[in-house]
Amino acid sequence: MHIADPDHIKTVFAFPYRGVTIQITSGTHLGVKIYTAWVDYPTGSAIAVPKAYSRSDAIRRAKQWVMQKFTL
């Protein structure tokens, strides 16, 4: 990606999950459609899944990330 030609992130799906919000975005990388999962929580946000090749995989992995990070 060149700074003069940024790839704009498009939110395709967002939903609450165990007290946080998971946001799935889509974009392209080297001409291939990819999905990224962001997790928004009360004190910040994080990229839980930097790259997935399907929306369902991004969702599944984001839920796993939430369980690992927020389960006591």
N, C-alpha and C. Protein backbone atom coordinates (compact mmCIF):
# COMPACT_ATOMS: atom_id res chain seq x y z
N MET A 1 0.85 -1.17 0.00
CA MET A 1 0.00 0.00 0.00
C MET A 1 0.90 1.23 0.00
N HIS A 2 0.59 2.16 -0.83
CA HIS A 2 1.31 3.43 -0.92
C HIS A 2 0.50 4.48 -0.20
N ILE A 3 1.16 5.34 0.54
CA ILE A 3 0.46 6.34 1.35
C ILE A 3 -0.43 7.25 0.50
N ALA A 4 -0.07 7.47 -0.75
CA ALA A 4 -0.88 8.34 -1.61
C ALA A 4 -2.13 7.62 -2.11
N ASP A 5 -2.18 6.31 -1.95
CA ASP A 5 -3.31 5.52 -2.42
C ASP A 5 -3.75 4.58 -1.30
N PRO A 6 -4.32 5.13 -0.21
CA PRO A 6 -4.65 4.28 0.93
C PRO A 6 -5.82 3.34 0.63
N ASP A 7 -5.82 2.21 1.31
CA ASP A 7 -6.92 1.27 1.22
C ASP A 7 -7.88 1.59 2.36
N HIS A 8 -9.06 2.04 2.04
CA HIS A 8 -10.02 2.43 3.07
C HIS A 8 -10.72 1.21 3.63
N ILE A 9 -10.76 1.12 4.93
CA ILE A 9 -11.37 0.00 5.62
C ILE A 9 -12.89 0.16 5.58
N LYS A 10 -13.57 -0.95 5.32
CA LYS A 10 -15.02 -0.95 5.27
C LYS A 10 -15.54 -1.92 6.33
N THR A 11 -16.34 -1.41 7.28
CA THR A 11 -16.95 -2.28 8.27
C THR A 11 -18.07 -3.05 7.60
N VAL A 12 -18.01 -4.37 7.68
CA VAL A 12 -19.04 -5.20 7.05
C VAL A 12 -19.97 -5.84 8.07
N PHE A 13 -19.53 -5.89 9.34
CA PHE A 13 -20.34 -6.56 10.35
C PHE A 13 -19.82 -6.17 11.72
N ALA A 14 -20.70 -5.87 12.65
CA ALA A 14 -20.30 -5.57 14.03
C ALA A 14 -21.37 -6.13 14.96
N PHE A 15 -20.92 -6.64 16.11
CA PHE A 15 -21.88 -7.22 17.04
C PHE A 15 -21.27 -7.26 18.45
N PRO A 16 -22.14 -7.21 19.47
CA PRO A 16 -21.64 -7.33 20.84
C PRO A 16 -21.34 -8.80 21.15
N TYR A 17 -20.29 -9.00 21.95
CA TYR A 17 -19.92 -10.36 22.35
C TYR A 17 -19.25 -10.30 23.71
N ARG A 18 -19.87 -10.88 24.72
CA ARG A 18 -19.30 -10.98 26.07
C ARG A 18 -18.77 -9.64 26.61
N GLY A 19 -19.54 -8.59 26.43
CA GLY A 19 -19.18 -7.29 26.99
C GLY A 19 -18.27 -6.42 26.13
N VAL A 20 -17.91 -6.90 24.95
CA VAL A 20 -17.11 -6.11 24.02
C VAL A 20 -17.86 -6.04 22.69
N THR A 21 -17.34 -5.27 21.77
CA THR A 21 -17.91 -5.23 20.43
C THR A 21 -16.86 -5.73 19.45
N ILE A 22 -17.25 -6.71 18.66
CA ILE A 22 -16.37 -7.22 17.60
C ILE A 22 -16.81 -6.55 16.31
N GLN A 23 -15.85 -5.99 15.61
CA GLN A 23 -16.11 -5.29 14.35
C GLN A 23 -15.28 -5.97 13.25
N ILE A 24 -15.94 -6.44 12.22
CA ILE A 24 -15.27 -7.09 11.11
C ILE A 24 -15.18 -6.09 9.96
N THR A 25 -13.98 -5.90 9.46
CA THR A 25 -13.77 -4.98 8.35
C THR A 25 -13.22 -5.75 7.16
N SER A 26 -13.36 -5.17 5.99
CA SER A 26 -12.80 -5.83 4.81
C SER A 26 -11.95 -4.83 4.03
N GLY A 27 -11.01 -5.37 3.31
CA GLY A 27 -10.13 -4.57 2.48
C GLY A 27 -9.45 -5.51 1.50
N THR A 28 -8.46 -5.01 0.83
CA THR A 28 -7.70 -5.86 -0.08
C THR A 28 -6.21 -5.78 0.25
N HIS A 29 -5.53 -6.86 0.04
CA HIS A 29 -4.08 -6.92 0.22
C HIS A 29 -3.52 -7.67 -0.97
N LEU A 30 -2.71 -7.00 -1.76
CA LEU A 30 -2.14 -7.59 -2.97
C LEU A 30 -3.22 -8.15 -3.88
N GLY A 31 -4.34 -7.45 -3.94
CA GLY A 31 -5.44 -7.84 -4.82
C GLY A 31 -6.36 -8.91 -4.28
N VAL A 32 -6.12 -9.36 -3.05
CA VAL A 32 -6.95 -10.41 -2.44
C VAL A 32 -7.81 -9.79 -1.36
N LYS A 33 -9.10 -10.13 -1.32
CA LYS A 33 -9.98 -9.61 -0.29
C LYS A 33 -9.64 -10.29 1.04
N ILE A 34 -9.47 -9.46 2.06
CA ILE A 34 -9.17 -9.98 3.40
C ILE A 34 -10.12 -9.32 4.40
N TYR A 35 -10.23 -9.95 5.55
CA TYR A 35 -11.05 -9.46 6.64
C TYR A 35 -10.17 -9.28 7.87
N THR A 36 -10.48 -8.26 8.65
CA THR A 36 -9.77 -7.97 9.89
C THR A 36 -10.81 -7.85 10.99
N ALA A 37 -10.48 -8.36 12.17
CA ALA A 37 -11.40 -8.26 13.31
C ALA A 37 -10.81 -7.33 14.35
N TRP A 38 -11.58 -6.31 14.68
CA TRP A 38 -11.23 -5.36 15.74
C TRP A 38 -12.11 -5.68 16.94
N VAL A 39 -11.58 -5.49 18.14
CA VAL A 39 -12.36 -5.66 19.35
C VAL A 39 -12.32 -4.34 20.11
N ASP A 40 -13.50 -3.78 20.34
CA ASP A 40 -13.62 -2.56 21.13
C ASP A 40 -14.10 -2.93 22.52
N TYR A 41 -13.39 -2.46 23.54
CA TYR A 41 -13.74 -2.75 24.92
C TYR A 41 -13.68 -1.45 25.70
N PRO A 42 -14.16 -1.43 26.95
CA PRO A 42 -14.31 -0.16 27.67
C PRO A 42 -13.05 0.71 27.75
N THR A 43 -11.87 0.12 27.77
CA THR A 43 -10.65 0.94 27.93
C THR A 43 -9.82 1.07 26.65
N GLY A 44 -10.33 0.58 25.52
CA GLY A 44 -9.57 0.71 24.28
C GLY A 44 -10.07 -0.20 23.19
N SER A 45 -9.19 -0.47 22.26
CA SER A 45 -9.52 -1.39 21.16
C SER A 45 -8.25 -2.08 20.70
N ALA A 46 -8.43 -3.20 20.03
CA ALA A 46 -7.28 -3.97 19.56
C ALA A 46 -7.65 -4.70 18.27
N ILE A 47 -6.64 -5.00 17.50
CA ILE A 47 -6.83 -5.84 16.33
C ILE A 47 -6.66 -7.27 16.81
N ALA A 48 -7.76 -8.00 16.84
CA ALA A 48 -7.72 -9.38 17.32
C ALA A 48 -7.27 -10.33 16.21
N VAL A 49 -7.69 -10.05 14.99
CA VAL A 49 -7.35 -10.90 13.84
C VAL A 49 -6.86 -9.97 12.73
N PRO A 50 -5.56 -9.90 12.49
CA PRO A 50 -5.05 -8.99 11.47
C PRO A 50 -5.43 -9.37 10.04
N LYS A 51 -5.56 -10.69 9.79
CA LYS A 51 -5.87 -11.10 8.42
C LYS A 51 -6.58 -12.44 8.43
N ALA A 52 -7.74 -12.48 7.77
CA ALA A 52 -8.47 -13.73 7.55
C ALA A 52 -9.01 -13.67 6.13
N TYR A 53 -9.19 -14.83 5.53
CA TYR A 53 -9.64 -14.88 4.14
C TYR A 53 -11.15 -15.07 4.00
N SER A 54 -11.85 -15.19 5.15
CA SER A 54 -13.31 -15.24 5.11
C SER A 54 -13.86 -14.52 6.33
N ARG A 55 -15.08 -14.01 6.20
CA ARG A 55 -15.72 -13.31 7.31
C ARG A 55 -15.94 -14.27 8.47
N SER A 56 -16.38 -15.49 8.17
CA SER A 56 -16.65 -16.46 9.24
C SER A 56 -15.38 -16.83 10.00
N ASP A 57 -14.25 -16.94 9.32
CA ASP A 57 -12.99 -17.24 10.00
C ASP A 57 -12.58 -16.08 10.89
N ALA A 58 -12.75 -14.84 10.42
CA ALA A 58 -12.42 -13.68 11.23
C ALA A 58 -13.28 -13.63 12.50
N ILE A 59 -14.56 -13.94 12.36
CA ILE A 59 -15.47 -13.94 13.52
C ILE A 59 -15.06 -15.03 14.51
N ARG A 60 -14.82 -16.23 14.02
CA ARG A 60 -14.45 -17.36 14.88
C ARG A 60 -13.17 -17.05 15.66
N ARG A 61 -12.17 -16.54 14.97
CA ARG A 61 -10.89 -16.24 15.61
C ARG A 61 -11.00 -15.06 16.57
N ALA A 62 -11.85 -14.08 16.25
CA ALA A 62 -12.05 -12.94 17.16
C ALA A 62 -12.71 -13.39 18.45
N LYS A 63 -13.68 -14.29 18.35
CA LYS A 63 -14.32 -14.82 19.56
C LYS A 63 -13.31 -15.58 20.41
N GLN A 64 -12.43 -16.35 19.78
CA GLN A 64 -11.38 -17.05 20.52
C GLN A 64 -10.46 -16.05 21.22
N TRP A 65 -10.11 -14.98 20.52
CA TRP A 65 -9.23 -13.95 21.09
C TRP A 65 -9.88 -13.34 22.33
N VAL A 66 -11.17 -13.02 22.23
CA VAL A 66 -11.90 -12.43 23.38
C VAL A 66 -11.87 -13.40 24.56
N MET A 67 -12.13 -14.66 24.31
CA MET A 67 -12.13 -15.65 25.39
C MET A 67 -10.75 -15.76 26.04
N GLN A 68 -9.69 -15.69 25.25
CA GLN A 68 -8.34 -15.78 25.81
C GLN A 68 -7.97 -14.54 26.61
N LYS A 69 -8.37 -13.37 26.14
CA LYS A 69 -7.94 -12.12 26.79
C LYS A 69 -8.82 -11.70 27.95
N PHE A 70 -10.10 -12.06 27.94
CA PHE A 70 -11.03 -11.51 28.93
C PHE A 70 -11.63 -12.54 29.87
N THR A 71 -11.27 -13.81 29.76
CA THR A 71 -11.77 -14.83 30.67
C THR A 71 -10.81 -14.94 31.85
N LEU A 72 -11.37 -14.85 33.03
CA LEU A 72 -10.54 -14.94 34.24
C LEU A 72 -10.31 -16.36 34.66
